[in-house]
Amino acid sequence: MGPPSAPPCRLHVPWKEVLLTASLLTFWNPPTT
């Protein structure tokens, strides 16, 4: 257990990876409806 002042790493969201994954999903699976 770390100090309560430390940011929760578990709740930290890597926005770069999320955006990259979303971009890849959109590129490979374009919403062609």
C-alpha atoms as a PDB file:
ATOM      1  CA  MET A   1       0.000   0.000   0.000  1.00  0.00           C
ATOM      2  CA  GLY A   2       1.474   3.362  -1.023  1.00  0.00           C
ATOM      3  CA  PRO A   3       0.806   6.751   0.549  1.00  0.00           C
ATOM      4  CA  PRO A   4      -2.737   8.151   0.030  1.00  0.00           C
ATOM      5  CA  SER A   5      -1.151  11.199  -1.618  1.00  0.00           C
ATOM      6  CA  ALA A   6       0.073   9.018  -4.492  1.00  0.00           C
ATOM      7  CA  PRO A   7      -2.186   8.900  -7.583  1.00  0.00           C
ATOM      8  CA  PRO A   8      -3.964   5.553  -8.037  1.00  0.00           C
ATOM      9  CA  CYS A   9      -2.090   3.799 -10.841  1.00  0.00           C
ATOM     10  CA  ARG A  10      -4.934   1.312 -11.218  1.00  0.00           C
ATOM     11  CA  LEU A  11      -7.389   4.075 -12.061  1.00  0.00           C
ATOM     12  CA  HIS A  12      -4.910   5.774 -14.389  1.00  0.00           C
ATOM     13  CA  VAL A  13      -6.053   5.505 -17.997  1.00  0.00           C
ATOM     14  CA  PRO A  14      -3.429   5.598 -20.759  1.00  0.00           C
ATOM     15  CA  TRP A  15      -5.299   7.966 -23.073  1.00  0.00           C
ATOM     16  CA  LYS A  16      -2.637   7.548 -25.744  1.00  0.00           C
ATOM     17  CA  GLU A  17      -3.196   3.796 -25.900  1.00  0.00           C
ATOM     18  CA  VAL A  18      -6.969   4.237 -25.782  1.00  0.00           C
ATOM     19  CA  LEU A  19      -6.921   6.739 -28.631  1.00  0.00           C
ATOM     20  CA  LEU A  20      -4.552   4.536 -30.610  1.00  0.00           C
ATOM     21  CA  THR A  21      -6.748   1.477 -30.103  1.00  0.00           C
ATOM     22  CA  ALA A  22      -9.873   3.429 -31.048  1.00  0.00           C
ATOM     23  CA  SER A  23      -8.147   4.719 -34.176  1.00  0.00           C
ATOM     24  CA  LEU A  24      -7.057   1.220 -35.167  1.00  0.00           C
ATOM     25  CA  LEU A  25     -10.534  -0.206 -34.557  1.00  0.00           C
ATOM     26  CA  THR A  26     -12.109   2.583 -36.595  1.00  0.00           C
ATOM     27  CA  PHE A  27      -9.566   2.094 -39.374  1.00  0.00           C
ATOM     28  CA  TRP A  28      -9.997  -1.682 -39.576  1.00  0.00           C
ATOM     29  CA  ASN A  29     -13.758  -1.579 -38.926  1.00  0.00           C
ATOM     30  CA  PRO A  30     -15.177   1.557 -40.592  1.00  0.00           C
ATOM     31  CA  PRO A  31     -18.857   2.239 -39.736  1.00  0.00           C
ATOM     32  CA  THR A  32     -20.194   1.559 -43.224  1.00  0.00           C
ATOM     33  CA  THR A  33     -23.896   1.270 -42.556  1.00  0.00           C
END
